[in-house]
Amino acid sequence: MEKFKHLIWDWNGTLFNDVAFSSVLLNRLLTEQGLTQLSLEKYREVFHFPIIEYYKLAGLDFEIESFESIAVRWMKWYEDGKYKCELYEDAAETLQLLKNNGVQQYVLSAYSHHTLEEVLLHYDVRKYMNHVSGLDNIYAGSKVDLGKSMMKQMDANPADIVLIGDTTHDFEVAQALGINCILVARGHQAKSTLEKCGCEVVEDFSSLIN
């Protein structure tokens, strides 16, 4: 970690532990269509980006209801309950340690930008960040274009930058940006899935720092 001067964080599932909550909301959608619910383990096995494809893999039928309609309802449920979730217990300590060591920190998220700013303030995380970028919609698409814009603002050597996330999409974003990537195996995707990327995979932030 000492070689990196800039650290780009993913939010959901990386700093913010909303994994179990998101699984509950998926099962709520499945129940509405009379489908079998997924265990948390199975949820982490099927989750991936783009979200529309993950919904299909989970079994949701867009002939019954459109993706857009489902996404709006899911997001309403999520927003109604998001503050019941918490940061991972080692997140604040890690953010402070990195700041103390002069690391520039950023958030790059598929979450709506306006809401992302609000939730970072609520959990007292915004103060650690030099810049924050979220999407301009609720459909959780690709973060590549956002990342490219962030890179221009950073004006840094790609070798000095690392992206830390919890999904294969975070790895794909890092690859597209030409930067390093470390994945944390306690978020929205199973460790076995993350390891297929071939990058460093850690269990938690203590492993990351050590």
Foldseek 3Di string as FASTA:
>chain_A
DVLAQEEEEEDAFAFWACQVVLLVLLQVQQVVVVHDRDDSQVQQALDDPPPVNSNVVRPDDCVVPNPVVSLVVSVVVCVVCVVVTATPPCNVVLLVVCVVVNRAYEYQYQAAQVVVVVVCVVRVNVVSHPYYDYDNDRRSHARQVVVVVVCVVVVDDQANYEYEEAHVSSVVSCVSVVHHYEYAQRGSHHPVRVVVSVHHYHPHVVRVVD
